[in-house]
C-alpha cells in the first residue's frame, strides 16, 4: 500500500474545487492516506457518482488514514485518494461501503499525487452506482446557489408562458420560437453559468412584487 503524506482535505457531501473552499469549511490536515490509481473509466465512476463498494476495497483501506487532531492522531476508518494519473480526489466511505464525502486536493499536493502515480499500477475495484452527483457540482458554490434560486423562482411561474419567454429573451438575447419554453430555459440556465442569471432574479423579484 502506498500513501500520500501531509495532505490538506475538505470533505463535504458535494465535491468542491479547492478555490471554492470556504473559511467556514472543516478543512483538515491529514498525516497520511492511501493512494490508488484507477483507469479513466473507473475513476469517472467514483468521481461523478455516489457509489457503494464491496469489502475488497474496504479491507484494503480500513484504518489506514490518519488525521491530525491537535497534537494527537485520529484514525479514519475508510478514506482514500484516487487518481487516474492526471486528476485526483479523496473519498470517504461508511462501514457499508457507501461513498459519503469527497474532497479535491490543493494544487501542490495534487501535483505530488500525479507524480507518485507515474510509478503505480492501475487497480480495478467493483462499485455499484447508487445515484449521479448533482449537476450543480460543476459550478462554484455561489453560482450553484444562484442557479438553484432562479430555478426555484421560475418553477413558481412555470405556467406563465409570456413571463418565461421574456426571461428567455433576457438570458439569450433572442426571441423564443420553440415548443417548450420552460424546458429550454432551464436547460440553458444549467448548461453553463451566465452572469445574466442575476438579471433573471431581479425580474422575477420585481414580478412577484407587482402581481
Foldseek 3Di string as FASTA:
>chain_A
DDKQAFFKWFKDQAEADPVLDDPPTPIFTWGIAAEAEAAPVVVCLVNFFWKFFDVVQQVVGAQVTWTDDPPDIDTAGAKHWYDNLPAIKIFGADPRRTTRIITGGPDVSRVVSSVVCVPHDHDDTDIGGPGGDDLLSVDRPVQSVLLVVLLVLCVVVLVVVVLLQVLVCQQPVDGDDDDRSNVVSNCVVSVDPDPSSVVSVVVSVVVVVVD
